Every structure is written in C-alpha cells, then in structure tokens.
PDB file of N, CA and C in Angstrom:
ATOM      1  N   VAL A   1      -2.268  -7.359   3.926  1.00  0.00           N
ATOM      2  CA  VAL A   1      -3.208  -8.117   4.359  1.00  0.00           C
ATOM      3  C   VAL A   1      -4.467  -7.767   4.482  1.00  0.00           C
ATOM      4  N   ALA A   2      -4.775  -6.777   5.520  1.00  0.00           N
ATOM      5  CA  ALA A   2      -5.871  -6.285   6.050  1.00  0.00           C
ATOM      6  C   ALA A   2      -6.685  -5.811   4.711  1.00  0.00           C
ATOM      7  N   THR A   3      -5.860  -4.887   4.040  1.00  0.00           N
ATOM      8  CA  THR A   3      -6.378  -4.432   2.845  1.00  0.00           C
ATOM      9  C   THR A   3      -7.052  -5.518   1.297  1.00  0.00           C
ATOM     10  N   ARG A   4      -6.222  -6.214   1.384  1.00  0.00           N
ATOM     11  CA  ARG A   4      -6.190  -7.464   0.682  1.00  0.00           C
ATOM     12  C   ARG A   4      -8.051  -8.012   0.717  1.00  0.00           C
ATOM     13  N   TYR A   5      -7.975  -7.949   2.201  1.00  0.00           N
ATOM     14  CA  TYR A   5      -9.213  -8.806   2.620  1.00  0.00           C
ATOM     15  C   TYR A   5     -10.626  -7.984   2.240  1.00  0.00           C
ATOM     16  N   GLY A   6     -10.188  -6.796   2.921  1.00  0.00           N
ATOM     17  CA  GLY A   6     -11.293  -5.529   2.523  1.00  0.00           C
ATOM     18  C   GLY A   6     -11.844  -5.479   1.169  1.00  0.00           C
ATOM     19  N   CYS A   7     -10.872  -5.681   0.253  1.00  0.00           N
ATOM     20  CA  CYS A   7     -11.016  -5.828  -1.342  1.00  0.00           C
ATOM     21  C   CYS A   7     -11.497  -6.845  -1.889  1.00  0.00           C
ATOM     22  N   GLU A   8     -11.172  -7.972  -1.015  1.00  0.00           N
ATOM     23  CA  GLU A   8     -11.960  -9.303  -1.497  1.00  0.00           C
ATOM     24  C   GLU A   8     -13.458  -8.957  -0.928  1.00  0.00           C
ATOM     25  N   MET A   9     -13.744  -8.692   0.261  1.00  0.00           N
ATOM     26  CA  MET A   9     -14.903  -8.752   0.692  1.00  0.00           C
ATOM     27  C   MET A   9     -16.204  -7.867   0.533  1.00  0.00           C
ATOM     28  N   GLN A  10     -15.538  -6.621  -0.383  1.00  0.00           N
ATOM     29  CA  GLN A  10     -16.221  -5.640  -0.790  1.00  0.00           C
ATOM     30  C   GLN A  10     -16.418  -5.798  -2.494  1.00  0.00           C
ATOM     31  N   GLY A  11     -15.785  -6.737  -2.955  1.00  0.00           N
ATOM     32  CA  GLY A  11     -15.481  -6.991  -4.272  1.00  0.00           C
ATOM     33  C   GLY A  11     -15.079  -5.844  -5.298  1.00  0.00           C
ATOM     34  N   ALA A  12     -14.174  -4.838  -4.550  1.00  0.00           N
ATOM     35  CA  ALA A  12     -13.492  -3.717  -4.983  1.00  0.00           C
ATOM     36  C   ALA A  12     -12.589  -4.504  -6.453  1.00  0.00           C
ATOM     37  N   THR A  13     -12.459  -3.485  -7.400  1.00  0.00           N
ATOM     38  CA  THR A  13     -12.203  -3.764  -8.990  1.00  0.00           C
ATOM     39  C   THR A  13     -10.813  -2.553  -8.861  1.00  0.00           C
ATOM     40  N   GLU A  14     -10.840  -1.604  -8.215  1.00  0.00           N
ATOM     41  CA  GLU A  14      -9.815  -0.384  -7.961  1.00  0.00           C
ATOM     42  C   GLU A  14      -9.937   0.154  -6.867  1.00  0.00           C
ATOM     43  N   VAL A  15      -8.701   0.874  -6.326  1.00  0.00           N
ATOM     44  CA  VAL A  15      -8.936   1.154  -5.093  1.00  0.00           C
ATOM     45  C   VAL A  15      -8.055   2.413  -5.089  1.00  0.00           C
ATOM     46  N   ALA A  16      -8.349   3.266  -4.204  1.00  0.00           N
ATOM     47  CA  ALA A  16      -7.412   4.870  -3.841  1.00  0.00           C
ATOM     48  C   ALA A  16      -6.326   4.629  -2.913  1.00  0.00           C
ATOM     49  N   MET A  17      -5.261   5.197  -3.060  1.00  0.00           N
ATOM     50  CA  MET A  17      -4.313   5.355  -2.251  1.00  0.00           C
ATOM     51  C   MET A  17      -4.214   6.717  -1.609  1.00  0.00           C
ATOM     52  N   THR A  18      -3.895   6.752  -0.602  1.00  0.00           N
ATOM     53  CA  THR A  18      -4.257   8.311   0.046  1.00  0.00           C
ATOM     54  C   THR A  18      -2.653   8.138   0.729  1.00  0.00           C
ATOM     55  N   ASN A  19      -2.156   9.645   0.894  1.00  0.00           N
ATOM     56  CA  ASN A  19      -1.071  10.002   1.441  1.00  0.00           C
ATOM     57  C   ASN A  19       0.192   9.501   0.761  1.00  0.00           C
ATOM     58  N   LEU A  20       0.360   9.583  -0.416  1.00  0.00           N
ATOM     59  CA  LEU A  20       1.768   8.837  -0.932  1.00  0.00           C
ATOM     60  C   LEU A  20       2.686   9.482  -0.395  1.00  0.00           C
ATOM     61  N   ASP A  21       2.641  11.056  -0.639  1.00  0.00           N
ATOM     62  CA  ASP A  21       3.429  12.114  -0.313  1.00  0.00           C
ATOM     63  C   ASP A  21       3.976  12.459   0.982  1.00  0.00           C
ATOM     64  N   VAL A  22       3.528  11.738   2.091  1.00  0.00           N
ATOM     65  CA  VAL A  22       3.840  11.925   3.321  1.00  0.00           C
ATOM     66  C   VAL A  22       4.902  10.617   3.580  1.00  0.00           C
ATOM     67  N   LEU A  23       5.066   9.952   2.766  1.00  0.00           N
ATOM     68  CA  LEU A  23       6.004   8.957   2.929  1.00  0.00           C
ATOM     69  C   LEU A  23       7.545   9.184   1.881  1.00  0.00           C
ATOM     70  N   GLY A  24       7.531  10.411   1.244  1.00  0.00           N
ATOM     71  CA  GLY A  24       8.665  10.681   0.782  1.00  0.00           C
ATOM     72  C   GLY A  24      10.003  10.750   1.722  1.00  0.00           C
ATOM     73  N   TYR A  25       9.859  10.860   2.617  1.00  0.00           N
ATOM     74  CA  TYR A  25      11.052  11.018   3.584  1.00  0.00           C
ATOM     75  C   TYR A  25      11.735  10.135   4.238  1.00  0.00           C
ATOM     76  N   LEU A  26      11.293   8.778   3.934  1.00  0.00           N
ATOM     77  CA  LEU A  26      11.719   7.370   4.208  1.00  0.00           C
ATOM     78  C   LEU A  26      12.603   6.717   3.847  1.00  0.00           C
ATOM     79  N   ASP A  27      13.380   6.455   4.579  1.00  0.00           N
ATOM     80  CA  ASP A  27      14.274   5.327   3.662  1.00  0.00           C
ATOM     81  C   ASP A  27      13.798   4.146   3.213  1.00  0.00           C
ATOM     82  N   GLU A  28      12.856   3.504   4.086  1.00  0.00           N
ATOM     83  CA  GLU A  28      12.377   2.155   3.973  1.00  0.00           C
ATOM     84  C   GLU A  28      10.948   2.193   4.195  1.00  0.00           C
ATOM     85  N   ILE A  29       9.862   1.432   3.259  1.00  0.00           N
ATOM     86  CA  ILE A  29       8.698   1.812   4.125  1.00  0.00           C
ATOM     87  C   ILE A  29       8.324   0.199   4.226  1.00  0.00           C
ATOM     88  N   PRO A  30       7.994  -0.035   5.865  1.00  0.00           N
ATOM     89  CA  PRO A  30       7.650  -1.424   6.300  1.00  0.00           C
ATOM     90  C   PRO A  30       5.994  -1.760   5.624  1.00  0.00           C
ATOM     91  N   VAL A  31       6.176  -2.910   4.974  1.00  0.00           N
ATOM     92  CA  VAL A  31       4.545  -3.319   4.467  1.00  0.00           C
ATOM     93  C   VAL A  31       4.156  -4.593   4.674  1.00  0.00           C
ATOM     94  N   CYS A  32       3.121  -4.633   5.808  1.00  0.00           N
ATOM     95  CA  CYS A  32       2.918  -6.271   6.491  1.00  0.00           C
ATOM     96  C   CYS A  32       2.234  -7.133   5.488  1.00  0.00           C
ATOM     97  N   VAL A  33       3.209  -8.020   5.217  1.00  0.00           N
ATOM     98  CA  VAL A  33       2.762  -9.311   4.479  1.00  0.00           C
ATOM     99  C   VAL A  33       1.671 -10.723   4.704  1.00  0.00           C
ATOM    100  N   ALA A  34       1.800 -10.388   5.851  1.00  0.00           N
ATOM    101  CA  ALA A  34       1.361 -11.918   6.186  1.00  0.00           C
ATOM    102  C   ALA A  34       1.383 -11.683   7.742  1.00  0.00           C
ATOM    103  N   TYR A  35       0.818 -12.767   8.763  1.00  0.00           N
ATOM    104  CA  TYR A  35       1.045 -12.885  10.195  1.00  0.00           C
ATOM    105  C   TYR A  35       1.973 -14.041  10.731  1.00  0.00           C
ATOM    106  N   GLU A  36       2.506 -14.164  11.639  1.00  0.00           N
ATOM    107  CA  GLU A  36       2.639 -15.386  12.435  1.00  0.00           C
ATOM    108  C   GLU A  36       1.945 -15.530  13.556  1.00  0.00           C
ATOM    109  N   PHE A  37       1.006 -16.856  13.644  1.00  0.00           N
ATOM    110  CA  PHE A  37       0.414 -17.349  14.485  1.00  0.00           C
ATOM    111  C   PHE A  37       0.631 -18.475  15.000  1.00  0.00           C
ATOM    112  N   ASN A  38       0.910 -18.647  16.082  1.00  0.00           N
ATOM    113  CA  ASN A  38       1.969 -20.161  16.718  1.00  0.00           C
ATOM    114  C   ASN A  38       2.927 -20.625  16.133  1.00  0.00           C
ATOM    115  N   GLY A  39       3.676 -19.458  15.571  1.00  0.00           N
ATOM    116  CA  GLY A  39       5.065 -20.451  15.159  1.00  0.00           C
ATOM    117  C   GLY A  39       4.838 -20.524  13.518  1.00  0.00           C
ATOM    118  N   GLU A  40       3.639 -20.103  12.909  1.00  0.00           N
ATOM    119  CA  GLU A  40       3.180 -20.414  11.831  1.00  0.00           C
ATOM    120  C   GLU A  40       2.770 -19.242  10.729  1.00  0.00           C
ATOM    121  N   ARG A  41       3.147 -19.137   9.684  1.00  0.00           N
ATOM    122  CA  ARG A  41       2.936 -18.047   8.603  1.00  0.00           C
ATOM    123  C   ARG A  41       1.509 -18.100   8.146  1.00  0.00           C
ATOM    124  N   VAL A  42       0.769 -16.848   8.219  1.00  0.00           N
ATOM    125  CA  VAL A  42      -0.595 -16.829   7.963  1.00  0.00           C
ATOM    126  C   VAL A  42      -0.882 -15.922   6.745  1.00  0.00           C
ATOM    127  N   ASP A  43      -1.156 -16.205   5.699  1.00  0.00           N
ATOM    128  CA  ASP A  43      -1.141 -15.058   4.717  1.00  0.00           C
ATOM    129  C   ASP A  43      -2.376 -14.436   4.500  1.00  0.00           C
ATOM    130  N   ASN A  44      -3.677 -14.936   4.942  1.00  0.00           N
ATOM    131  CA  ASN A  44      -5.150 -14.446   5.082  1.00  0.00           C
ATOM    132  C   ASN A  44      -5.316 -13.665   6.294  1.00  0.00           C
ATOM    133  N   PHE A  45      -6.146 -12.747   6.337  1.00  0.00           N
ATOM    134  CA  PHE A  45      -6.610 -12.006   7.293  1.00  0.00           C
ATOM    135  C   PHE A  45      -7.341 -12.821   8.500  1.00  0.00           C
ATOM    136  N   PRO A  46      -6.700 -12.933   9.499  1.00  0.00           N
ATOM    137  CA  PRO A  46      -7.784 -14.024  10.896  1.00  0.00           C
ATOM    138  C   PRO A  46      -8.602 -13.517  11.266  1.00  0.00           C
ATOM    139  N   VAL A  47      -9.504 -14.187  11.942  1.00  0.00           N
ATOM    140  CA  VAL A  47     -10.638 -13.890  12.854  1.00  0.00           C
ATOM    141  C   VAL A  47     -10.106 -13.309  13.930  1.00  0.00           C
ATOM    142  N   THR A  48     -10.491 -12.266  14.292  1.00  0.00           N
ATOM    143  CA  THR A  48     -10.324 -10.884  15.476  1.00  0.00           C
ATOM    144  C   THR A  48     -10.008 -11.598  16.736  1.00  0.00           C
ATOM    145  N   PRO A  49     -10.159 -13.200  17.171  1.00  0.00           N
ATOM    146  CA  PRO A  49      -9.561 -13.790  18.418  1.00  0.00           C
ATOM    147  C   PRO A  49      -8.292 -14.080  18.011  1.00  0.00           C
ATOM    148  N   LYS A  50      -8.025 -14.497  16.816  1.00  0.00           N
ATOM    149  CA  LYS A  50      -6.391 -15.133  16.218  1.00  0.00           C
ATOM    150  C   LYS A  50      -5.916 -14.035  16.255  1.00  0.00           C
ATOM    151  N   LEU A  51      -6.320 -12.510  15.466  1.00  0.00           N
ATOM    152  CA  LEU A  51      -5.748 -11.793  14.812  1.00  0.00           C
ATOM    153  C   LEU A  51      -4.641 -10.760  16.366  1.00  0.00           C
ATOM    154  N   GLU A  52      -5.557 -10.992  17.474  1.00  0.00           N
ATOM    155  CA  GLU A  52      -4.914 -10.387  18.604  1.00  0.00           C
ATOM    156  C   GLU A  52      -3.693 -11.592  19.008  1.00  0.00           C
ATOM    157  N   GLN A  53      -3.447 -12.197  18.549  1.00  0.00           N
ATOM    158  CA  GLN A  53      -2.570 -12.980  19.406  1.00  0.00           C
ATOM    159  C   GLN A  53      -1.257 -13.325  18.056  1.00  0.00           C
ATOM    160  N   CYS A  54      -1.183 -12.297  16.706  1.00  0.00           N
ATOM    161  CA  CYS A  54      -0.721 -12.793  15.631  1.00  0.00           C
ATOM    162  C   CYS A  54       0.466 -11.564  15.745  1.00  0.00           C
ATOM    163  N   LYS A  55       1.483 -11.858  14.675  1.00  0.00           N
ATOM    164  CA  LYS A  55       2.353 -10.934  14.856  1.00  0.00           C
ATOM    165  C   LYS A  55       2.898 -10.594  13.456  1.00  0.00           C
ATOM    166  N   PRO A  56       2.746  -9.312  13.012  1.00  0.00           N
ATOM    167  CA  PRO A  56       3.107  -9.138  11.883  1.00  0.00           C
ATOM    168  C   PRO A  56       4.263  -9.505  11.163  1.00  0.00           C
ATOM    169  N   ILE A  57       4.309  -9.795   9.948  1.00  0.00           N
ATOM    170  CA  ILE A  57       5.356 -10.059   8.988  1.00  0.00           C
ATOM    171  C   ILE A  57       5.563  -9.298   7.982  1.00  0.00           C
ATOM    172  N   TYR A  58       6.731  -8.137   7.768  1.00  0.00           N
ATOM    173  CA  TYR A  58       6.927  -6.966   7.102  1.00  0.00           C
ATOM    174  C   TYR A  58       7.908  -7.186   6.234  1.00  0.00           C
ATOM    175  N   VAL A  59       7.740  -6.964   4.969  1.00  0.00           N
ATOM    176  CA  VAL A  59       8.890  -6.552   3.959  1.00  0.00           C
ATOM    177  C   VAL A  59       9.159  -4.859   4.347  1.00  0.00           C
ATOM    178  N   LYS A  60      10.447  -4.848   3.828  1.00  0.00           N
ATOM    179  CA  LYS A  60      10.384  -3.372   3.585  1.00  0.00           C
ATOM    180  C   LYS A  60      10.803  -3.140   2.241  1.00  0.00           C
ATOM    181  N   LEU A  61      10.229  -2.058   1.669  1.00  0.00           N
ATOM    182  CA  LEU A  61      10.267  -1.559   0.377  1.00  0.00           C
ATOM    183  C   LEU A  61      11.244  -0.129   0.352  1.00  0.00           C
ATOM    184  N   PRO A  62      11.989   0.055  -0.426  1.00  0.00           N
ATOM    185  CA  PRO A  62      12.812   1.199  -0.751  1.00  0.00           C
ATOM    186  C   PRO A  62      11.849   2.429  -0.244  1.00  0.00           C
ATOM    187  N   GLY A  63      12.158   3.527   0.358  1.00  0.00           N
ATOM    188  CA  GLY A  63      11.613   4.921  -0.524  1.00  0.00           C
ATOM    189  C   GLY A  63      12.339   5.683  -1.001  1.00  0.00           C
ATOM    190  N   TRP A  64      11.644   7.097  -1.500  1.00  0.00           N
ATOM    191  CA  TRP A  64      12.200   7.554  -2.829  1.00  0.00           C
ATOM    192  C   TRP A  64      12.846   8.704  -2.483  1.00  0.00           C
ATOM    193  N   LYS A  65      12.813   9.436  -1.081  1.00  0.00           N
ATOM    194  CA  LYS A  65      13.287  10.467  -0.503  1.00  0.00           C
ATOM    195  C   LYS A  65      13.161  11.417  -1.490  1.00  0.00           C
ATOM    196  N   SER A  66      12.284  11.964  -1.997  1.00  0.00           N
ATOM    197  CA  SER A  66      11.797  13.096  -2.727  1.00  0.00           C
ATOM    198  C   SER A  66      10.487  13.397  -2.493  1.00  0.00           C
ATOM    199  N   ASP A  67      10.123  14.606  -2.729  1.00  0.00           N
ATOM    200  CA  ASP A  67       8.718  14.950  -2.764  1.00  0.00           C
ATOM    201  C   ASP A  67       7.797  14.829  -3.825  1.00  0.00           C
ATOM    202  N   THR A  68       6.928  14.118  -3.390  1.00  0.00           N
ATOM    203  CA  THR A  68       5.839  13.967  -4.786  1.00  0.00           C
ATOM    204  C   THR A  68       4.624  14.903  -4.950  1.00  0.00           C
ATOM    205  N   ARG A  69       4.732  15.769  -4.088  1.00  0.00           N
ATOM    206  CA  ARG A  69       3.396  16.787  -4.471  1.00  0.00           C
ATOM    207  C   ARG A  69       3.662  17.934  -5.650  1.00  0.00           C
ATOM    208  N   GLY A  70       2.401  17.827  -6.227  1.00  0.00           N
ATOM    209  CA  GLY A  70       2.567  18.162  -7.825  1.00  0.00           C
ATOM    210  C   GLY A  70       2.706  17.423  -8.826  1.00  0.00           C
ATOM    211  N   ILE A  71       3.184  16.124  -8.474  1.00  0.00           N
ATOM    212  CA  ILE A  71       3.024  15.014  -9.912  1.00  0.00           C
ATOM    213  C   ILE A  71       1.376  14.935 -10.085  1.00  0.00           C
ATOM    214  N   THR A  72       1.504  15.111 -11.490  1.00  0.00           N
ATOM    215  CA  THR A  72       0.252  14.739 -11.656  1.00  0.00           C
ATOM    216  C   THR A  72       0.107  13.262 -12.744  1.00  0.00           C
ATOM    217  N   LYS A  73       1.437  12.716 -13.124  1.00  0.00           N
ATOM    218  CA  LYS A  73       1.210  11.399 -14.217  1.00  0.00           C
ATOM    219  C   LYS A  73       2.196  10.585 -13.183  1.00  0.00           C
ATOM    220  N   PHE A  74       1.531   9.544 -13.255  1.00  0.00           N
ATOM    221  CA  PHE A  74       2.367   8.029 -12.459  1.00  0.00           C
ATOM    222  C   PHE A  74       3.797   8.218 -13.144  1.00  0.00           C
ATOM    223  N   GLU A  75       3.880   8.023 -14.271  1.00  0.00           N
ATOM    224  CA  GLU A  75       5.105   8.331 -14.979  1.00  0.00           C
ATOM    225  C   GLU A  75       6.444   9.011 -14.495  1.00  0.00           C
ATOM    226  N   ASP A  76       5.423   9.908 -14.190  1.00  0.00           N
ATOM    227  CA  ASP A  76       6.725  11.122 -13.197  1.00  0.00           C
ATOM    228  C   ASP A  76       7.061  11.156 -11.949  1.00  0.00           C
ATOM    229  N   LEU A  77       6.474   9.883 -10.901  1.00  0.00           N
ATOM    230  CA  LEU A  77       6.730   9.771  -9.742  1.00  0.00           C
ATOM    231  C   LEU A  77       8.098   9.077 -10.188  1.00  0.00           C
ATOM    232  N   PRO A  78       9.011   9.357  -8.904  1.00  0.00           N
ATOM    233  CA  PRO A  78      10.343   8.693  -8.433  1.00  0.00           C
ATOM    234  C   PRO A  78       9.882   6.964  -8.936  1.00  0.00           C
ATOM    235  N   GLU A  79      11.084   6.456  -9.415  1.00  0.00           N
ATOM    236  CA  GLU A  79      11.104   5.375  -9.787  1.00  0.00           C
ATOM    237  C   GLU A  79      10.637   4.081  -8.608  1.00  0.00           C
ATOM    238  N   ALA A  80      11.337   4.455  -7.152  1.00  0.00           N
ATOM    239  CA  ALA A  80      10.883   3.641  -6.284  1.00  0.00           C
ATOM    240  C   ALA A  80       9.410   3.706  -5.766  1.00  0.00           C
ATOM    241  N   ALA A  81       8.774   4.962  -6.263  1.00  0.00           N
ATOM    242  CA  ALA A  81       7.324   5.039  -5.743  1.00  0.00           C
ATOM    243  C   ALA A  81       6.612   4.415  -6.457  1.00  0.00           C
ATOM    244  N   GLN A  82       7.075   4.425  -8.091  1.00  0.00           N
ATOM    245  CA  GLN A  82       6.160   3.892  -8.654  1.00  0.00           C
ATOM    246  C   GLN A  82       6.339   2.154  -8.329  1.00  0.00           C
ATOM    247  N   ASN A  83       7.479   1.642  -8.170  1.00  0.00           N
ATOM    248  CA  ASN A  83       7.592   0.421  -7.892  1.00  0.00           C
ATOM    249  C   ASN A  83       6.798   0.000  -6.413  1.00  0.00           C
ATOM    250  N   TYR A  84       6.634   1.199  -5.554  1.00  0.00           N
ATOM    251  CA  TYR A  84       5.780   0.763  -4.362  1.00  0.00           C
ATOM    252  C   TYR A  84       4.557   0.414  -4.744  1.00  0.00           C
ATOM    253  N   VAL A  85       4.010   1.558  -5.483  1.00  0.00           N
ATOM    254  CA  VAL A  85       2.516   1.162  -5.825  1.00  0.00           C
ATOM    255  C   VAL A  85       2.527   0.153  -6.517  1.00  0.00           C
ATOM    256  N   LYS A  86       2.936  -0.526  -7.356  1.00  0.00           N
ATOM    257  CA  LYS A  86       2.988  -1.769  -8.243  1.00  0.00           C
ATOM    258  C   LYS A  86       3.224  -2.753  -7.112  1.00  0.00           C
ATOM    259  N   ARG A  87       4.155  -2.922  -6.514  1.00  0.00           N
ATOM    260  CA  ARG A  87       3.853  -3.768  -5.332  1.00  0.00           C
ATOM    261  C   ARG A  87       3.287  -3.933  -4.335  1.00  0.00           C
ATOM    262  N   LEU A  88       2.283  -2.977  -3.964  1.00  0.00           N
ATOM    263  CA  LEU A  88       1.091  -2.930  -3.007  1.00  0.00           C
ATOM    264  C   LEU A  88      -0.023  -3.520  -4.069  1.00  0.00           C
ATOM    265  N   GLU A  89       0.003  -2.806  -5.307  1.00  0.00           N
ATOM    266  CA  GLU A  89      -1.329  -3.867  -6.069  1.00  0.00           C
ATOM    267  C   GLU A  89      -1.004  -5.362  -6.351  1.00  0.00           C
ATOM    268  N   ASP A  90       0.263  -5.444  -6.353  1.00  0.00           N
ATOM    269  CA  ASP A  90       0.228  -7.276  -6.590  1.00  0.00           C
ATOM    270  C   ASP A  90      -0.463  -7.720  -5.098  1.00  0.00           C
ATOM    271  N   LEU A  91      -0.028  -7.357  -4.327  1.00  0.00           N
ATOM    272  CA  LEU A  91      -0.341  -7.758  -2.436  1.00  0.00           C
ATOM    273  C   LEU A  91      -1.478  -7.440  -2.448  1.00  0.00           C
ATOM    274  N   VAL A  92      -2.215  -6.545  -3.018  1.00  0.00           N
ATOM    275  CA  VAL A  92      -3.661  -6.457  -2.689  1.00  0.00           C
ATOM    276  C   VAL A  92      -4.353  -7.206  -3.239  1.00  0.00           C
ATOM    277  N   GLY A  93      -4.142  -7.262  -4.771  1.00  0.00           N
ATOM    278  CA  GLY A  93      -4.818  -7.921  -5.643  1.00  0.00           C
ATOM    279  C   GLY A  93      -5.649  -7.008  -6.499  1.00  0.00           C
ATOM    280  N   CYS A  94      -5.579  -5.603  -6.344  1.00  0.00           N
ATOM    281  CA  CYS A  94      -6.305  -4.714  -6.651  1.00  0.00           C
ATOM    282  C   CYS A  94      -5.761  -3.712  -7.246  1.00  0.00           C
ATOM    283  N   LYS A  95      -6.297  -3.325  -8.780  1.00  0.00           N
ATOM    284  CA  LYS A  95      -5.444  -1.795  -9.444  1.00  0.00           C
ATOM    285  C   LYS A  95      -5.683  -0.719  -8.318  1.00  0.00           C
ATOM    286  N   ILE A  96      -4.740  -0.189  -8.351  1.00  0.00           N
ATOM    287  CA  ILE A  96      -4.508   1.343  -7.289  1.00  0.00           C
ATOM    288  C   ILE A  96      -4.467   2.320  -8.457  1.00  0.00           C
ATOM    289  N   LYS A  97      -5.844   2.901  -8.709  1.00  0.00           N
ATOM    290  CA  LYS A  97      -6.518   3.942  -9.953  1.00  0.00           C
ATOM    291  C   LYS A  97      -6.301   5.275  -9.216  1.00  0.00           C
ATOM    292  N   TYR A  98      -6.166   5.551  -7.968  1.00  0.00           N
ATOM    293  CA  TYR A  98      -6.351   7.269  -7.674  1.00  0.00           C
ATOM    294  C   TYR A  98      -5.170   6.870  -6.757  1.00  0.00           C
ATOM    295  N   ILE A  99      -4.153   8.068  -6.752  1.00  0.00           N
ATOM    296  CA  ILE A  99      -3.114   8.286  -5.865  1.00  0.00           C
ATOM    297  C   ILE A  99      -2.854   9.638  -5.215  1.00  0.00           C
ATOM    298  N   SER A 100      -3.202   9.770  -4.396  1.00  0.00           N
ATOM    299  CA  SER A 100      -3.290  11.209  -3.568  1.00  0.00           C
ATOM    300  C   SER A 100      -2.028  11.589  -3.537  1.00  0.00           C
ATOM    301  N   VAL A 101      -1.148  12.666  -3.538  1.00  0.00           N
ATOM    302  CA  VAL A 101       0.108  13.325  -3.753  1.00  0.00           C
ATOM    303  C   VAL A 101       0.003  14.451  -2.864  1.00  0.00           C
ATOM    304  N   GLY A 102      -0.899  14.933  -2.040  1.00  0.00           N
ATOM    305  CA  GLY A 102      -0.854  16.255  -1.219  1.00  0.00           C
ATOM    306  C   GLY A 102      -2.169  16.505  -0.713  1.00  0.00           C
ATOM    307  N   PRO A 103      -2.251  17.163   0.078  1.00  0.00           N
ATOM    308  CA  PRO A 103      -3.289  17.704   0.981  1.00  0.00           C
ATOM    309  C   PRO A 103      -4.528  18.397   0.039  1.00  0.00           C
ATOM    310  N   GLU A 104      -4.802  18.934  -1.094  1.00  0.00           N
ATOM    311  CA  GLU A 104      -5.209  19.163  -1.628  1.00  0.00           C
ATOM    312  C   GLU A 104      -5.994  18.326  -2.353  1.00  0.00           C
ATOM    313  N   ARG A 105      -7.676  19.007  -2.607  1.00  0.00           N
ATOM    314  CA  ARG A 105      -8.471  18.156  -3.220  1.00  0.00           C
ATOM    315  C   ARG A 105      -8.123  17.670  -4.774  1.00  0.00           C
ATOM    316  N   ASP A 106      -7.639  18.342  -5.425  1.00  0.00           N
ATOM    317  CA  ASP A 106      -6.976  17.728  -6.794  1.00  0.00           C
ATOM    318  C   ASP A 106      -5.433  17.162  -6.701  1.00  0.00           C
ATOM    319  N   ALA A 107      -4.606  17.009  -5.658  1.00  0.00           N
ATOM    320  CA  ALA A 107      -3.656  16.617  -5.598  1.00  0.00           C
ATOM    321  C   ALA A 107      -3.866  15.023  -6.036  1.00  0.00           C
ATOM    322  N   CYS A 108      -4.439  14.775  -7.057  1.00  0.00           N
ATOM    323  CA  CYS A 108      -4.553  13.201  -7.289  1.00  0.00           C
ATOM    324  C   CYS A 108      -4.162  13.051  -8.695  1.00  0.00           C
ATOM    325  N   ILE A 109      -3.111  11.469  -8.629  1.00  0.00           N
ATOM    326  CA  ILE A 109      -3.003  10.772  -9.965  1.00  0.00           C
ATOM    327  C   ILE A 109      -3.869  10.000 -10.103  1.00  0.00           C
ATOM    328  N   VAL A 110      -4.812  10.140 -11.220  1.00  0.00           N
ATOM    329  CA  VAL A 110      -5.619   8.885 -11.837  1.00  0.00           C
ATOM    330  C   VAL A 110      -5.029   8.202 -12.902  1.00  0.00           C
ATOM    331  N   ARG A 111      -4.544   6.978 -12.649  1.00  0.00           N
ATOM    332  CA  ARG A 111      -4.451   5.969 -13.282  1.00  0.00           C
ATOM    333  C   ARG A 111      -5.098   5.460 -14.229  1.00  0.00           C
ATOM    334  N   LYS A 112      -4.962   5.421 -15.701  1.00  0.00           N
ATOM    335  CA  LYS A 112      -6.071   4.585 -16.664  1.00  0.00           C
ATOM    336  C   LYS A 112      -5.749   3.167 -16.353  1.00  0.00           C
TER     337      LYS A 112
END
C-alpha cells in the first residue's frame, strides 16, 4: 500500500526491487495489501494520524525455498518468485524493471 502510494506521488513508471535473494528461505511471504481502520478496510495509504491507528491486512504469497543468487534472467527465477514479482507489480501498479538477486553490484535482473 505504501509503495503504491509512493509510486503514485512520484509518477513512477518503473521501479527496482531489492533483496529478492533474502526471501528465498521463506515458506510464505506476507504482503500488506490494505489496512483496517475502525473496523473498515482502507485500500489507500492513510494520513499519518490515521495510520498510527491502522492494522495492516496481509496476504501470504508462497515462497520458493531456493537460492536466486546468480540468476540473470527473469524466466530463470523459480516460478513462485516470478509470481511474487508479478503480484507485487499488480498491487503497486508499476512495472518492476530491476530485481536485485544478490549483494554484488551486478547481481541484478533487468526486465524488458
């Protein structure tokens, strides 16, 4: 929710995702998709005074339980990792063009 808001405010058309490699050990990955405020679902990023009273609503996406370091093409990522990236794109409303898959400067997938 916060990333979508940031992209909207900045007019971003593409974004970079860092640290995909560190998620490889997880069975599930929680993603905040909305907030609950006073018992109601809020899909937009709330103003700060309301945010302090909000409870995040998460969906859990499946993990891929494998190492992604060294992968240079999106198509070579585990299917669950590809699905994770695509789901985040849908949620954020912006293409994820760069995906870092390791700590090295060149450990990055560049999508067309």
